[in-house]
Amino acid sequence: MRYFMIFAGLVLAACVEEPETGAQIYASECAGCHGADARGDGPFARGLDTVPPDLTTIASRNGGVFPRDQVMSTIDGLQRDAHFSVAMPEFGAGDLGDTVIVEENGLGTPVPTKLLLLTDYIALLQREE
């Protein structure tokens, strides 16, 4: 019985995936167009009608404040304006993982884990123009 318990524990451990990081999600989902350094010069950017924006200057373009909710809405596909490229996938239509509750001003909002990790990673990339 003891060997069965050890074996079952090893099988369970092998089935549990390591969670992705924001950097890994960015590398697999965004870098192709936005570039490895997030400046809008990825290998697929050359063939697009609309040049992907420099994601490292989002905060500086918004008065030094990173607009976290706006960035999440854009990635998710909820907020798209007229100048937005149709090449940008609507990530909210896919599987963004389990949700976590993000509390702000006493209100909890469910946010997909991958969306939160990716947005937090993009926030870390910010630099001044």
C-alpha atoms as a PDB file:
ATOM      1  CA  MET A   1       0.000   0.000   0.000  1.00  0.00           C
ATOM      2  CA  ARG A   2       2.861   2.343   0.850  1.00  0.00           C
ATOM      3  CA  TYR A   3       4.391   1.902  -2.632  1.00  0.00           C
ATOM      4  CA  PHE A   4       1.039   2.624  -4.249  1.00  0.00           C
ATOM      5  CA  MET A   5       0.782   5.901  -2.299  1.00  0.00           C
ATOM      6  CA  ILE A   6       4.285   6.955  -3.366  1.00  0.00           C
ATOM      7  CA  PHE A   7       3.555   6.002  -6.990  1.00  0.00           C
ATOM      8  CA  ALA A   8       0.239   7.891  -6.924  1.00  0.00           C
ATOM      9  CA  GLY A   9       2.020  10.940  -5.517  1.00  0.00           C
ATOM     10  CA  LEU A  10       4.654  10.826  -8.266  1.00  0.00           C
ATOM     11  CA  VAL A  11       2.002  10.472 -10.979  1.00  0.00           C
ATOM     12  CA  LEU A  12       0.053  13.402  -9.565  1.00  0.00           C
ATOM     13  CA  ALA A  13       3.192  15.539  -9.368  1.00  0.00           C
ATOM     14  CA  ALA A  14       4.004  14.754 -13.006  1.00  0.00           C
ATOM     15  CA  CYS A  15       0.520  15.839 -14.101  1.00  0.00           C
ATOM     16  CA  VAL A  16       0.653  19.220 -12.403  1.00  0.00           C
ATOM     17  CA  GLU A  17       2.024  21.819 -14.792  1.00  0.00           C
ATOM     18  CA  GLU A  18       4.170  24.677 -13.654  1.00  0.00           C
ATOM     19  CA  PRO A  19       2.225  27.923 -14.027  1.00  0.00           C
ATOM     20  CA  GLU A  20       3.292  30.144 -16.889  1.00  0.00           C
ATOM     21  CA  THR A  21       4.930  33.448 -16.153  1.00  0.00           C
ATOM     22  CA  GLY A  22       3.979  36.736 -17.767  1.00  0.00           C
ATOM     23  CA  ALA A  23       7.275  36.653 -19.668  1.00  0.00           C
ATOM     24  CA  GLN A  24       6.499  33.191 -21.067  1.00  0.00           C
ATOM     25  CA  ILE A  25       3.005  34.224 -22.108  1.00  0.00           C
ATOM     26  CA  TYR A  26       4.411  37.354 -23.766  1.00  0.00           C
ATOM     27  CA  ALA A  27       7.085  35.346 -25.610  1.00  0.00           C
ATOM     28  CA  SER A  28       4.575  32.863 -27.002  1.00  0.00           C
ATOM     29  CA  GLU A  29       1.612  35.168 -27.687  1.00  0.00           C
ATOM     30  CA  CYS A  30       2.941  38.702 -28.281  1.00  0.00           C
ATOM     31  CA  ALA A  31       6.607  38.800 -29.267  1.00  0.00           C
ATOM     32  CA  GLY A  32       5.927  37.720 -32.850  1.00  0.00           C
ATOM     33  CA  CYS A  33       4.394  41.124 -33.599  1.00  0.00           C
ATOM     34  CA  HIS A  34       5.486  43.370 -30.719  1.00  0.00           C
ATOM     35  CA  GLY A  35       9.056  42.039 -30.643  1.00  0.00           C
ATOM     36  CA  ALA A  36      11.120  40.340 -27.978  1.00  0.00           C
ATOM     37  CA  ASP A  37      11.843  43.751 -26.438  1.00  0.00           C
ATOM     38  CA  ALA A  38       8.171  44.869 -26.818  1.00  0.00           C
ATOM     39  CA  ARG A  39       9.039  47.852 -29.024  1.00  0.00           C
ATOM     40  CA  GLY A  40       6.792  46.875 -31.945  1.00  0.00           C
ATOM     41  CA  ASP A  41       9.404  45.339 -34.199  1.00  0.00           C
ATOM     42  CA  GLY A  42       8.662  41.628 -34.099  1.00  0.00           C
ATOM     43  CA  PRO A  43       9.284  39.394 -37.107  1.00  0.00           C
ATOM     44  CA  PHE A  44       5.588  39.427 -38.118  1.00  0.00           C
ATOM     45  CA  ALA A  45       5.271  43.230 -37.798  1.00  0.00           C
ATOM     46  CA  ARG A  46       6.720  43.845 -41.273  1.00  0.00           C
ATOM     47  CA  GLY A  47       3.729  42.293 -43.007  1.00  0.00           C
ATOM     48  CA  LEU A  48       1.067  44.189 -41.073  1.00  0.00           C
ATOM     49  CA  ASP A  49      -0.851  47.234 -42.323  1.00  0.00           C
ATOM     50  CA  THR A  50      -0.780  48.779 -38.836  1.00  0.00           C
ATOM     51  CA  VAL A  51       2.555  48.813 -37.022  1.00  0.00           C
ATOM     52  CA  PRO A  52       2.296  47.207 -33.577  1.00  0.00           C
ATOM     53  CA  PRO A  53       2.762  49.814 -30.841  1.00  0.00           C
ATOM     54  CA  ASP A  54       5.772  50.075 -28.578  1.00  0.00           C
ATOM     55  CA  LEU A  55       4.472  48.442 -25.402  1.00  0.00           C
ATOM     56  CA  THR A  56       7.343  49.824 -23.295  1.00  0.00           C
ATOM     57  CA  THR A  57       6.028  53.399 -23.475  1.00  0.00           C
ATOM     58  CA  ILE A  58       2.401  52.865 -22.509  1.00  0.00           C
ATOM     59  CA  ALA A  59       2.850  54.586 -19.139  1.00  0.00           C
ATOM     60  CA  SER A  60       4.811  57.528 -20.562  1.00  0.00           C
ATOM     61  CA  ARG A  61       2.093  58.059 -23.182  1.00  0.00           C
ATOM     62  CA  ASN A  62      -0.431  58.193 -20.316  1.00  0.00           C
ATOM     63  CA  GLY A  63       1.135  60.785 -18.060  1.00  0.00           C
ATOM     64  CA  GLY A  64       3.488  58.348 -16.340  1.00  0.00           C
ATOM     65  CA  VAL A  65       0.693  56.068 -15.154  1.00  0.00           C
ATOM     66  CA  PHE A  66       0.323  52.526 -16.457  1.00  0.00           C
ATOM     67  CA  PRO A  67      -3.397  52.140 -17.335  1.00  0.00           C
ATOM     68  CA  ARG A  68      -3.695  48.559 -16.136  1.00  0.00           C
ATOM     69  CA  ASP A  69      -7.434  48.130 -16.704  1.00  0.00           C
ATOM     70  CA  GLN A  70      -7.234  49.649 -20.193  1.00  0.00           C
ATOM     71  CA  VAL A  71      -4.333  47.368 -21.119  1.00  0.00           C
ATOM     72  CA  MET A  72      -6.234  44.313 -19.872  1.00  0.00           C
ATOM     73  CA  SER A  73      -9.324  45.379 -21.827  1.00  0.00           C
ATOM     74  CA  THR A  74      -7.260  45.808 -24.984  1.00  0.00           C
ATOM     75  CA  ILE A  75      -5.582  42.416 -24.674  1.00  0.00           C
ATOM     76  CA  ASP A  76      -8.875  40.756 -23.814  1.00  0.00           C
ATOM     77  CA  GLY A  77     -10.583  42.352 -26.814  1.00  0.00           C
ATOM     78  CA  LEU A  78     -13.158  44.370 -24.908  1.00  0.00           C
ATOM     79  CA  GLN A  79     -11.685  47.743 -25.853  1.00  0.00           C
ATOM     80  CA  ARG A  80     -10.687  48.286 -29.456  1.00  0.00           C
ATOM     81  CA  ASP A  81     -10.802  51.649 -31.240  1.00  0.00           C
ATOM     82  CA  ALA A  82     -10.834  52.581 -34.947  1.00  0.00           C
ATOM     83  CA  HIS A  83      -7.035  52.701 -35.353  1.00  0.00           C
ATOM     84  CA  PHE A  84      -6.625  49.258 -33.838  1.00  0.00           C
ATOM     85  CA  SER A  85      -5.167  46.572 -36.079  1.00  0.00           C
ATOM     86  CA  VAL A  86      -7.398  43.663 -36.973  1.00  0.00           C
ATOM     87  CA  ALA A  87      -4.242  41.534 -36.762  1.00  0.00           C
ATOM     88  CA  MET A  88      -4.377  41.715 -32.948  1.00  0.00           C
ATOM     89  CA  PRO A  89      -6.102  38.551 -31.719  1.00  0.00           C
ATOM     90  CA  GLU A  90      -8.979  38.841 -29.290  1.00  0.00           C
ATOM     91  CA  PHE A  91      -7.398  36.861 -26.482  1.00  0.00           C
ATOM     92  CA  GLY A  92     -10.573  36.919 -24.399  1.00  0.00           C
ATOM     93  CA  ALA A  93     -12.183  34.618 -26.954  1.00  0.00           C
ATOM     94  CA  GLY A  94      -9.678  31.908 -25.993  1.00  0.00           C
ATOM     95  CA  ASP A  95      -8.743  30.213 -22.758  1.00  0.00           C
ATOM     96  CA  LEU A  96      -7.011  32.652 -20.440  1.00  0.00           C
ATOM     97  CA  GLY A  97      -6.967  30.218 -17.553  1.00  0.00           C
ATOM     98  CA  ASP A  98      -8.622  30.205 -14.186  1.00  0.00           C
ATOM     99  CA  THR A  99      -9.714  33.486 -12.701  1.00  0.00           C
ATOM    100  CA  VAL A 100      -8.364  35.217  -9.635  1.00  0.00           C
ATOM    101  CA  ILE A 101     -10.075  37.943  -7.671  1.00  0.00           C
ATOM    102  CA  VAL A 102      -8.327  41.305  -7.918  1.00  0.00           C
ATOM    103  CA  GLU A 103      -9.418  43.675  -5.191  1.00  0.00           C
ATOM    104  CA  GLU A 104      -9.325  47.407  -5.718  1.00  0.00           C
ATOM    105  CA  ASN A 105     -11.094  49.988  -3.563  1.00  0.00           C
ATOM    106  CA  GLY A 106     -12.880  47.223  -1.686  1.00  0.00           C
ATOM    107  CA  LEU A 107     -14.355  45.681  -4.830  1.00  0.00           C
ATOM    108  CA  GLY A 108     -13.320  42.274  -6.093  1.00  0.00           C
ATOM    109  CA  THR A 109     -13.156  41.645  -9.822  1.00  0.00           C
ATOM    110  CA  PRO A 110     -12.555  38.216 -11.359  1.00  0.00           C
ATOM    111  CA  VAL A 111      -9.661  38.392 -13.841  1.00  0.00           C
ATOM    112  CA  PRO A 112      -8.257  35.531 -15.927  1.00  0.00           C
ATOM    113  CA  THR A 113      -4.865  34.505 -14.539  1.00  0.00           C
ATOM    114  CA  LYS A 114      -3.003  34.648 -17.868  1.00  0.00           C
ATOM    115  CA  LEU A 115      -4.407  38.113 -18.598  1.00  0.00           C
ATOM    116  CA  LEU A 116      -3.259  39.373 -15.207  1.00  0.00           C
ATOM    117  CA  LEU A 117       0.216  37.822 -15.533  1.00  0.00           C
ATOM    118  CA  LEU A 118       0.681  39.258 -19.026  1.00  0.00           C
ATOM    119  CA  THR A 119      -0.498  42.725 -18.017  1.00  0.00           C
ATOM    120  CA  ASP A 120       1.771  42.750 -14.967  1.00  0.00           C
ATOM    121  CA  TYR A 121       4.698  41.719 -17.175  1.00  0.00           C
ATOM    122  CA  ILE A 122       4.004  44.541 -19.642  1.00  0.00           C
ATOM    123  CA  ALA A 123       3.859  46.943 -16.684  1.00  0.00           C
ATOM    124  CA  LEU A 124       7.374  45.837 -15.715  1.00  0.00           C
ATOM    125  CA  LEU A 125       8.658  46.674 -19.214  1.00  0.00           C
ATOM    126  CA  GLN A 126       7.765  50.354 -18.978  1.00  0.00           C
ATOM    127  CA  ARG A 127      10.434  52.945 -19.710  1.00  0.00           C
ATOM    128  CA  GLU A 128      10.455  56.657 -20.360  1.00  0.00           C
ATOM    129  CA  GLU A 129      10.515  57.841 -23.955  1.00  0.00           C
END
